[in-house]
Amino acid sequence: MKYIIRAVKYFLYLSAMVVLILGIFVLLKLVPPDINQIFRGGWTSVMTVAAIFGLASAFYPLWGYRKEELTLQEIPDADIKESICSLMESMGYVQEKDSDDDISFRLRNKFSRLTHSFEDRISFFHLGDTPAAEGIPPTQTWVIEGLTRDVVRIGGTLKHRFYKRTTD
């Protein structure tokens, strides 16, 4: 159901952007206020554009959202959950929900939320811990879920922060 809601939301978002841009062009008298003169085929062209937007919106949630599993090495002086919270706060997110095994965040800035189509939630789920073994440090496994661009950026930052090179 979440997938369908996202697809409809993106269709409406794309449509609203085109209507806004065309409205500005009409107000500035750059184009006449007649659909048959704005588009070569008139309303037929508008339906074609709507169909293209519908196709793009139907597939965007497949590419635009991601779940990624992060295995982070535990560092003695840093708690991973606290580090996640401080990183997200420094990136402009505010904590929305916090329980033992999951945390979710939303963007603090309303304009940033609008540019993300209000699909700005980043969720972390703690899957479990792996104790230290011979030459292998203890790790925690987390799943991060959200917009692909944000998941890649945040996941990469966390991996870098909790990466400790081990030498033999």
N, C-alpha and C. Protein backbone atom coordinates (compact mmCIF):
# COMPACT_ATOMS: atom_id res chain seq x y z
N MET A 1 0.82 -1.19 0.00
CA MET A 1 0.00 0.00 0.00
C MET A 1 0.88 1.27 0.00
N LYS A 2 2.00 1.19 0.74
CA LYS A 2 2.92 2.32 0.80
C LYS A 2 3.44 2.66 -0.60
N TYR A 3 3.69 1.61 -1.39
CA TYR A 3 4.20 1.79 -2.75
C TYR A 3 3.21 2.58 -3.61
N ILE A 4 1.95 2.21 -3.54
CA ILE A 4 0.91 2.89 -4.33
C ILE A 4 0.76 4.34 -3.90
N ILE A 5 0.79 4.58 -2.59
CA ILE A 5 0.67 5.95 -2.08
C ILE A 5 1.85 6.79 -2.58
N ARG A 6 3.05 6.24 -2.56
CA ARG A 6 4.21 6.97 -3.07
C ARG A 6 4.09 7.26 -4.56
N ALA A 7 3.62 6.29 -5.33
CA ALA A 7 3.47 6.48 -6.77
C ALA A 7 2.45 7.58 -7.06
N VAL A 8 1.32 7.56 -6.38
CA VAL A 8 0.29 8.60 -6.57
C VAL A 8 0.83 9.95 -6.14
N LYS A 9 1.55 9.98 -5.04
CA LYS A 9 2.12 11.23 -4.55
C LYS A 9 3.08 11.84 -5.57
N TYR A 10 3.92 11.00 -6.18
CA TYR A 10 4.86 11.50 -7.18
C TYR A 10 4.15 11.95 -8.45
N PHE A 11 3.09 11.26 -8.83
CA PHE A 11 2.32 11.69 -9.99
C PHE A 11 1.72 13.08 -9.73
N LEU A 12 1.14 13.27 -8.57
CA LEU A 12 0.55 14.57 -8.22
C LEU A 12 1.63 15.65 -8.11
N TYR A 13 2.79 15.29 -7.57
CA TYR A 13 3.89 16.23 -7.42
C TYR A 13 4.40 16.69 -8.79
N LEU A 14 4.62 15.75 -9.70
CA LEU A 14 5.07 16.10 -11.05
C LEU A 14 4.03 16.95 -11.78
N SER A 15 2.78 16.55 -11.67
CA SER A 15 1.70 17.29 -12.33
C SER A 15 1.60 18.71 -11.78
N ALA A 16 1.68 18.85 -10.48
CA ALA A 16 1.59 20.18 -9.86
C ALA A 16 2.75 21.07 -10.31
N MET A 17 3.94 20.48 -10.43
CA MET A 17 5.11 21.27 -10.88
C MET A 17 4.91 21.78 -12.31
N VAL A 18 4.39 20.93 -13.20
CA VAL A 18 4.16 21.35 -14.59
C VAL A 18 3.07 22.41 -14.64
N VAL A 19 1.99 22.22 -13.89
CA VAL A 19 0.91 23.22 -13.86
C VAL A 19 1.43 24.54 -13.32
N LEU A 20 2.26 24.50 -12.28
CA LEU A 20 2.83 25.72 -11.71
C LEU A 20 3.72 26.44 -12.73
N ILE A 21 4.56 25.70 -13.40
CA ILE A 21 5.45 26.31 -14.40
C ILE A 21 4.65 26.90 -15.55
N LEU A 22 3.68 26.14 -16.05
CA LEU A 22 2.83 26.67 -17.14
C LEU A 22 2.03 27.88 -16.68
N GLY A 23 1.56 27.85 -15.44
CA GLY A 23 0.83 28.99 -14.89
C GLY A 23 1.69 30.25 -14.84
N ILE A 24 2.94 30.08 -14.44
CA ILE A 24 3.87 31.22 -14.41
C ILE A 24 4.10 31.75 -15.83
N PHE A 25 4.27 30.84 -16.79
CA PHE A 25 4.47 31.26 -18.18
C PHE A 25 3.25 32.03 -18.70
N VAL A 26 2.05 31.58 -18.35
CA VAL A 26 0.83 32.27 -18.79
C VAL A 26 0.73 33.64 -18.12
N LEU A 27 1.02 33.71 -16.82
CA LEU A 27 0.95 35.00 -16.12
C LEU A 27 1.97 36.01 -16.65
N LEU A 28 3.13 35.51 -17.06
CA LEU A 28 4.16 36.39 -17.64
C LEU A 28 3.92 36.65 -19.13
N LYS A 29 2.83 36.08 -19.65
CA LYS A 29 2.43 36.22 -21.06
C LYS A 29 3.52 35.70 -22.01
N LEU A 30 4.22 34.66 -21.59
CA LEU A 30 5.19 34.01 -22.46
C LEU A 30 4.51 33.00 -23.39
N VAL A 31 3.37 32.47 -22.94
CA VAL A 31 2.56 31.57 -23.76
C VAL A 31 1.10 32.00 -23.65
N PRO A 32 0.30 31.75 -24.67
CA PRO A 32 -1.12 32.10 -24.59
C PRO A 32 -1.85 31.16 -23.64
N PRO A 33 -2.95 31.61 -23.04
CA PRO A 33 -3.67 30.77 -22.07
C PRO A 33 -4.61 29.75 -22.71
N ASP A 34 -4.21 29.16 -23.82
CA ASP A 34 -5.04 28.18 -24.52
C ASP A 34 -4.23 26.88 -24.67
N ILE A 35 -4.79 25.78 -24.17
CA ILE A 35 -4.09 24.48 -24.21
C ILE A 35 -3.76 24.08 -25.65
N ASN A 36 -4.65 24.39 -26.57
CA ASN A 36 -4.40 24.03 -27.98
C ASN A 36 -3.23 24.80 -28.58
N GLN A 37 -2.88 25.93 -28.00
CA GLN A 37 -1.73 26.67 -28.48
C GLN A 37 -0.46 26.36 -27.68
N ILE A 38 -0.62 25.97 -26.43
CA ILE A 38 0.54 25.60 -25.61
C ILE A 38 1.11 24.26 -26.09
N PHE A 39 0.23 23.28 -26.32
CA PHE A 39 0.63 21.96 -26.78
C PHE A 39 0.16 21.75 -28.21
N ARG A 40 1.00 21.18 -29.01
CA ARG A 40 0.71 20.99 -30.43
C ARG A 40 -0.56 20.16 -30.64
N GLY A 41 -0.76 19.14 -29.86
CA GLY A 41 -1.94 18.28 -30.02
C GLY A 41 -3.08 18.64 -29.08
N GLY A 42 -2.98 19.72 -28.34
CA GLY A 42 -4.04 20.13 -27.41
C GLY A 42 -4.18 19.16 -26.25
N TRP A 43 -5.43 18.79 -25.95
CA TRP A 43 -5.71 17.92 -24.81
C TRP A 43 -5.16 16.50 -25.03
N THR A 44 -5.01 16.09 -26.27
CA THR A 44 -4.43 14.78 -26.55
C THR A 44 -2.98 14.74 -26.05
N SER A 45 -2.26 15.82 -26.29
CA SER A 45 -0.88 15.90 -25.80
C SER A 45 -0.83 15.95 -24.27
N VAL A 46 -1.79 16.62 -23.67
CA VAL A 46 -1.84 16.68 -22.20
C VAL A 46 -2.03 15.26 -21.65
N MET A 47 -2.90 14.48 -22.25
CA MET A 47 -3.12 13.10 -21.80
C MET A 47 -1.87 12.23 -22.02
N THR A 48 -1.14 12.48 -23.10
CA THR A 48 0.10 11.75 -23.34
C THR A 48 1.14 12.08 -22.27
N VAL A 49 1.26 13.37 -21.95
CA VAL A 49 2.19 13.78 -20.89
C VAL A 49 1.77 13.17 -19.55
N ALA A 50 0.46 13.15 -19.27
CA ALA A 50 -0.03 12.54 -18.02
C ALA A 50 0.28 11.05 -17.97
N ALA A 51 0.17 10.37 -19.12
CA ALA A 51 0.50 8.94 -19.16
C ALA A 51 1.99 8.71 -18.90
N ILE A 52 2.83 9.57 -19.46
CA ILE A 52 4.28 9.46 -19.23
C ILE A 52 4.59 9.70 -17.75
N PHE A 53 3.94 10.72 -17.16
CA PHE A 53 4.12 10.98 -15.73
C PHE A 53 3.65 9.78 -14.90
N GLY A 54 2.55 9.17 -15.34
CA GLY A 54 2.03 7.99 -14.63
C GLY A 54 3.01 6.83 -14.65
N LEU A 55 3.63 6.60 -15.81
CA LEU A 55 4.63 5.53 -15.91
C LEU A 55 5.85 5.83 -15.06
N ALA A 56 6.33 7.06 -15.13
CA ALA A 56 7.51 7.44 -14.32
C ALA A 56 7.20 7.31 -12.84
N SER A 57 6.01 7.75 -12.45
CA SER A 57 5.61 7.68 -11.04
C SER A 57 5.42 6.25 -10.56
N ALA A 58 4.98 5.37 -11.46
CA ALA A 58 4.77 3.97 -11.08
C ALA A 58 6.09 3.26 -10.80
N PHE A 59 7.17 3.64 -11.51
CA PHE A 59 8.44 2.97 -11.32
C PHE A 59 9.37 3.70 -10.35
N TYR A 60 9.12 4.96 -10.07
CA TYR A 60 10.04 5.71 -9.21
C TYR A 60 10.21 5.09 -7.82
N PRO A 61 9.15 4.63 -7.15
CA PRO A 61 9.37 4.03 -5.82
C PRO A 61 10.30 2.82 -5.84
N LEU A 62 10.42 2.13 -6.97
CA LEU A 62 11.37 1.01 -7.06
C LEU A 62 12.81 1.50 -6.95
N TRP A 63 13.10 2.63 -7.58
CA TRP A 63 14.46 3.15 -7.62
C TRP A 63 14.72 4.19 -6.55
N GLY A 64 13.69 4.87 -6.11
CA GLY A 64 13.87 6.00 -5.20
C GLY A 64 13.98 5.63 -3.74
N TYR A 65 13.62 4.39 -3.37
CA TYR A 65 13.65 3.97 -1.97
C TYR A 65 14.51 2.73 -1.82
N ARG A 66 15.12 2.65 -0.65
CA ARG A 66 16.09 1.58 -0.46
C ARG A 66 16.17 1.16 1.00
N LYS A 67 16.47 -0.12 1.18
CA LYS A 67 16.84 -0.66 2.49
C LYS A 67 18.27 -1.15 2.35
N GLU A 68 19.09 -0.78 3.31
CA GLU A 68 20.49 -1.21 3.26
C GLU A 68 20.90 -1.73 4.63
N GLU A 69 21.60 -2.85 4.64
CA GLU A 69 22.08 -3.43 5.88
C GLU A 69 23.48 -2.89 6.16
N LEU A 70 23.68 -2.37 7.36
CA LEU A 70 24.97 -1.83 7.77
C LEU A 70 25.53 -2.68 8.90
N THR A 71 26.76 -3.13 8.73
CA THR A 71 27.44 -3.82 9.81
C THR A 71 28.53 -2.87 10.30
N LEU A 72 28.35 -2.38 11.50
CA LEU A 72 29.24 -1.35 12.06
C LEU A 72 30.07 -1.94 13.18
N GLN A 73 31.37 -1.66 13.14
CA GLN A 73 32.27 -2.14 14.18
C GLN A 73 32.07 -1.29 15.44
N GLU A 74 31.97 -1.97 16.55
CA GLU A 74 31.85 -1.24 17.81
C GLU A 74 33.19 -0.64 18.20
N ILE A 75 33.13 0.60 18.64
CA ILE A 75 34.32 1.31 19.11
C ILE A 75 34.12 1.54 20.60
N PRO A 76 35.14 1.28 21.43
CA PRO A 76 34.96 1.37 22.89
C PRO A 76 34.38 2.70 23.39
N ASP A 77 34.78 3.81 22.80
CA ASP A 77 34.37 5.11 23.34
C ASP A 77 33.05 5.62 22.76
N ALA A 78 32.46 4.94 21.78
CA ALA A 78 31.28 5.48 21.09
C ALA A 78 30.14 4.46 21.08
N ASP A 79 28.97 4.92 21.47
CA ASP A 79 27.76 4.12 21.37
C ASP A 79 27.18 4.34 19.97
N ILE A 80 26.89 3.28 19.26
CA ILE A 80 26.44 3.40 17.87
C ILE A 80 25.10 4.12 17.79
N LYS A 81 24.18 3.78 18.67
CA LYS A 81 22.86 4.42 18.63
C LYS A 81 22.96 5.92 18.89
N GLU A 82 23.76 6.30 19.87
CA GLU A 82 23.96 7.73 20.15
C GLU A 82 24.65 8.43 18.97
N SER A 83 25.59 7.74 18.33
CA SER A 83 26.27 8.31 17.17
C SER A 83 25.31 8.51 16.00
N ILE A 84 24.40 7.56 15.81
CA ILE A 84 23.39 7.70 14.76
C ILE A 84 22.53 8.93 15.04
N CYS A 85 22.09 9.07 16.27
CA CYS A 85 21.24 10.22 16.64
C CYS A 85 21.98 11.55 16.45
N SER A 86 23.24 11.62 16.86
CA SER A 86 23.98 12.88 16.71
C SER A 86 24.28 13.17 15.24
N LEU A 87 24.57 12.15 14.45
CA LEU A 87 24.80 12.35 13.02
C LEU A 87 23.54 12.88 12.34
N MET A 88 22.41 12.26 12.64
CA MET A 88 21.16 12.68 12.01
C MET A 88 20.80 14.11 12.42
N GLU A 89 21.03 14.45 13.66
CA GLU A 89 20.77 15.82 14.12
C GLU A 89 21.65 16.82 13.39
N SER A 90 22.92 16.46 13.20
CA SER A 90 23.84 17.37 12.49
C SER A 90 23.49 17.50 11.01
N MET A 91 22.76 16.52 10.45
CA MET A 91 22.36 16.56 9.05
C MET A 91 20.99 17.20 8.86
N GLY A 92 20.42 17.76 9.93
CA GLY A 92 19.16 18.48 9.80
C GLY A 92 17.92 17.65 10.03
N TYR A 93 18.07 16.52 10.68
CA TYR A 93 16.92 15.66 10.98
C TYR A 93 16.54 15.79 12.44
N VAL A 94 15.29 15.55 12.73
CA VAL A 94 14.80 15.54 14.10
C VAL A 94 14.23 14.14 14.37
N GLN A 95 14.47 13.66 15.59
CA GLN A 95 14.02 12.31 15.93
C GLN A 95 12.51 12.28 16.03
N GLU A 96 11.94 11.29 15.35
CA GLU A 96 10.48 11.14 15.33
C GLU A 96 10.02 10.05 16.28
N LYS A 97 10.76 8.93 16.29
CA LYS A 97 10.38 7.79 17.11
C LYS A 97 11.64 7.11 17.60
N ASP A 98 11.58 6.63 18.84
CA ASP A 98 12.73 5.91 19.40
C ASP A 98 12.21 4.79 20.28
N SER A 99 12.61 3.58 19.95
CA SER A 99 12.33 2.45 20.83
C SER A 99 13.64 1.68 20.96
N ASP A 100 13.60 0.53 21.59
CA ASP A 100 14.84 -0.22 21.83
C ASP A 100 15.57 -0.58 20.54
N ASP A 101 14.82 -1.07 19.55
CA ASP A 101 15.46 -1.60 18.35
C ASP A 101 15.24 -0.78 17.08
N ASP A 102 14.50 0.31 17.16
CA ASP A 102 14.36 1.13 15.96
C ASP A 102 14.23 2.61 16.30
N ILE A 103 14.71 3.42 15.35
CA ILE A 103 14.70 4.88 15.47
C ILE A 103 14.27 5.42 14.12
N SER A 104 13.48 6.48 14.12
CA SER A 104 13.16 7.12 12.84
C SER A 104 13.31 8.63 12.98
N PHE A 105 13.64 9.25 11.87
CA PHE A 105 13.92 10.68 11.83
C PHE A 105 13.17 11.32 10.67
N ARG A 106 12.87 12.61 10.81
CA ARG A 106 12.28 13.43 9.75
C ARG A 106 13.13 14.68 9.60
N LEU A 107 13.10 15.27 8.42
CA LEU A 107 13.82 16.53 8.22
C LEU A 107 13.19 17.62 9.07
N ARG A 108 14.01 18.49 9.61
CA ARG A 108 13.55 19.57 10.46
C ARG A 108 12.95 20.71 9.63
N ASN A 109 13.56 21.05 8.51
CA ASN A 109 13.18 22.18 7.68
C ASN A 109 11.99 21.83 6.80
N LYS A 110 10.94 22.65 6.82
CA LYS A 110 9.72 22.39 6.04
C LYS A 110 10.00 22.45 4.54
N PHE A 111 10.86 23.38 4.10
CA PHE A 111 11.17 23.47 2.68
C PHE A 111 11.91 22.23 2.20
N SER A 112 12.83 21.72 3.01
CA SER A 112 13.54 20.49 2.66
C SER A 112 12.57 19.31 2.59
N ARG A 113 11.60 19.30 3.49
CA ARG A 113 10.58 18.24 3.45
C ARG A 113 9.77 18.32 2.16
N LEU A 114 9.46 19.55 1.73
CA LEU A 114 8.71 19.73 0.48
C LEU A 114 9.52 19.24 -0.71
N THR A 115 10.82 19.54 -0.74
CA THR A 115 11.65 19.07 -1.86
C THR A 115 11.79 17.56 -1.87
N HIS A 116 11.55 16.91 -0.75
CA HIS A 116 11.57 15.45 -0.67
C HIS A 116 10.15 14.88 -0.82
N SER A 117 9.18 15.72 -1.20
CA SER A 117 7.77 15.31 -1.36
C SER A 117 7.20 14.73 -0.07
N PHE A 118 7.68 15.21 1.06
CA PHE A 118 7.27 14.74 2.38
C PHE A 118 7.50 13.24 2.57
N GLU A 119 8.42 12.68 1.78
CA GLU A 119 8.87 11.29 1.94
C GLU A 119 10.29 11.32 2.49
N ASP A 120 10.46 11.97 3.61
CA ASP A 120 11.79 12.24 4.15
C ASP A 120 12.14 11.39 5.36
N ARG A 121 11.32 10.41 5.69
CA ARG A 121 11.59 9.59 6.88
C ARG A 121 12.78 8.67 6.62
N ILE A 122 13.70 8.66 7.56
CA ILE A 122 14.82 7.72 7.56
C ILE A 122 14.65 6.86 8.81
N SER A 123 14.60 5.54 8.62
CA SER A 123 14.40 4.62 9.73
C SER A 123 15.60 3.71 9.89
N PHE A 124 15.95 3.45 11.13
CA PHE A 124 17.02 2.52 11.48
C PHE A 124 16.42 1.40 12.31
N PHE A 125 16.75 0.15 11.97
CA PHE A 125 16.30 -1.02 12.72
C PHE A 125 17.53 -1.82 13.15
N HIS A 126 17.64 -2.07 14.43
CA HIS A 126 18.77 -2.83 14.96
C HIS A 126 18.46 -4.31 14.83
N LEU A 127 19.27 -5.01 14.02
CA LEU A 127 19.04 -6.44 13.81
C LEU A 127 19.71 -7.31 14.86
N GLY A 128 20.89 -6.89 15.32
CA GLY A 128 21.56 -7.71 16.33
C GLY A 128 23.03 -7.38 16.46
N ASP A 129 23.63 -8.04 17.41
CA ASP A 129 25.05 -7.84 17.71
C ASP A 129 25.82 -9.12 17.41
N THR A 130 27.08 -8.95 17.05
CA THR A 130 27.98 -10.08 16.87
C THR A 130 29.14 -9.87 17.83
N PRO A 131 29.36 -10.81 18.73
CA PRO A 131 30.46 -10.63 19.68
C PRO A 131 31.82 -10.74 19.00
N ALA A 132 32.82 -10.27 19.68
CA ALA A 132 34.19 -10.33 19.16
C ALA A 132 34.65 -11.78 19.09
N ALA A 133 35.44 -12.04 18.08
CA ALA A 133 36.04 -13.37 17.91
C ALA A 133 37.53 -13.15 17.68
N GLU A 134 38.24 -14.19 17.35
CA GLU A 134 39.69 -14.09 17.13
C GLU A 134 40.00 -13.09 16.02
N GLY A 135 40.55 -11.95 16.39
CA GLY A 135 40.94 -10.95 15.41
C GLY A 135 39.80 -10.19 14.76
N ILE A 136 38.58 -10.49 15.16
CA ILE A 136 37.41 -9.82 14.58
C ILE A 136 36.75 -8.99 15.68
N PRO A 137 36.60 -7.68 15.47
CA PRO A 137 35.99 -6.85 16.51
C PRO A 137 34.48 -7.09 16.61
N PRO A 138 33.88 -6.73 17.74
CA PRO A 138 32.43 -6.87 17.85
C PRO A 138 31.73 -5.90 16.89
N THR A 139 30.58 -6.33 16.39
CA THR A 139 29.83 -5.49 15.44
C THR A 139 28.36 -5.43 15.82
N GLN A 140 27.70 -4.43 15.29
CA GLN A 140 26.25 -4.31 15.37
C GLN A 140 25.72 -4.23 13.95
N THR A 141 24.60 -4.87 13.69
CA THR A 141 23.99 -4.83 12.37
C THR A 141 22.71 -4.01 12.45
N TRP A 142 22.64 -3.01 11.58
CA TRP A 142 21.48 -2.12 11.49
C TRP A 142 20.96 -2.13 10.06
N VAL A 143 19.67 -1.91 9.89
CA VAL A 143 19.07 -1.70 8.57
C VAL A 143 18.62 -0.26 8.53
N ILE A 144 19.00 0.45 7.46
CA ILE A 144 18.58 1.83 7.26
C ILE A 144 17.64 1.84 6.05
N GLU A 145 16.53 2.56 6.17
CA GLU A 145 15.52 2.59 5.11
C GLU A 145 15.10 4.03 4.86
N GLY A 146 14.96 4.40 3.58
CA GLY A 146 14.50 5.73 3.21
C GLY A 146 14.79 6.00 1.75
N LEU A 147 14.81 7.29 1.39
CA LEU A 147 15.15 7.68 0.03
C LEU A 147 16.56 7.19 -0.31
N THR A 148 16.75 6.68 -1.50
CA THR A 148 18.03 6.10 -1.89
C THR A 148 19.18 7.06 -1.69
N ARG A 149 19.01 8.31 -2.13
CA ARG A 149 20.12 9.26 -2.02
C ARG A 149 20.50 9.52 -0.57
N ASP A 150 19.52 9.55 0.32
CA ASP A 150 19.81 9.78 1.74
C ASP A 150 20.40 8.54 2.40
N VAL A 151 19.88 7.36 2.04
CA VAL A 151 20.39 6.11 2.62
C VAL A 151 21.85 5.92 2.25
N VAL A 152 22.21 6.19 0.99
CA VAL A 152 23.59 6.02 0.55
C VAL A 152 24.50 7.00 1.29
N ARG A 153 24.07 8.25 1.40
CA ARG A 153 24.89 9.28 2.06
C ARG A 153 25.07 8.99 3.54
N ILE A 154 23.98 8.69 4.24
CA ILE A 154 24.03 8.44 5.68
C ILE A 154 24.74 7.13 5.98
N GLY A 155 24.43 6.09 5.20
CA GLY A 155 25.08 4.79 5.40
C GLY A 155 26.59 4.88 5.19
N GLY A 156 27.00 5.60 4.16
CA GLY A 156 28.44 5.78 3.91
C GLY A 156 29.14 6.52 5.03
N THR A 157 28.47 7.55 5.55
CA THR A 157 29.04 8.31 6.66
C THR A 157 29.20 7.43 7.90
N LEU A 158 28.18 6.63 8.20
CA LEU A 158 28.26 5.75 9.37
C LEU A 158 29.33 4.67 9.20
N LYS A 159 29.41 4.10 8.00
CA LYS A 159 30.44 3.08 7.77
C LYS A 159 31.83 3.68 7.96
N HIS A 160 32.01 4.88 7.45
CA HIS A 160 33.31 5.54 7.60
C HIS A 160 33.61 5.85 9.07
N ARG A 161 32.60 6.30 9.79
CA ARG A 161 32.79 6.67 11.20
C ARG A 161 33.14 5.46 12.06
N PHE A 162 32.57 4.30 11.73
CA PHE A 162 32.78 3.11 12.56
C PHE A 162 33.69 2.10 11.91
N TYR A 163 34.48 2.54 10.95
CA TYR A 163 35.45 1.64 10.32
C TYR A 163 36.77 1.78 11.05
N LYS A 164 37.31 0.68 11.47
CA LYS A 164 38.62 0.69 12.11
C LYS A 164 39.47 -0.35 11.41
N ARG A 165 40.54 0.12 10.82
CA ARG A 165 41.41 -0.80 10.07
C ARG A 165 42.11 -1.73 11.06
N THR A 166 42.03 -3.00 10.76
CA THR A 166 42.72 -3.98 11.58
C THR A 166 43.93 -4.49 10.82
N THR A 167 45.03 -4.59 11.48
CA THR A 167 46.25 -5.12 10.84
C THR A 167 46.62 -6.42 11.50
N ASP A 168 47.17 -7.30 10.72
CA ASP A 168 47.56 -8.63 11.24
C ASP A 168 48.95 -8.59 11.82
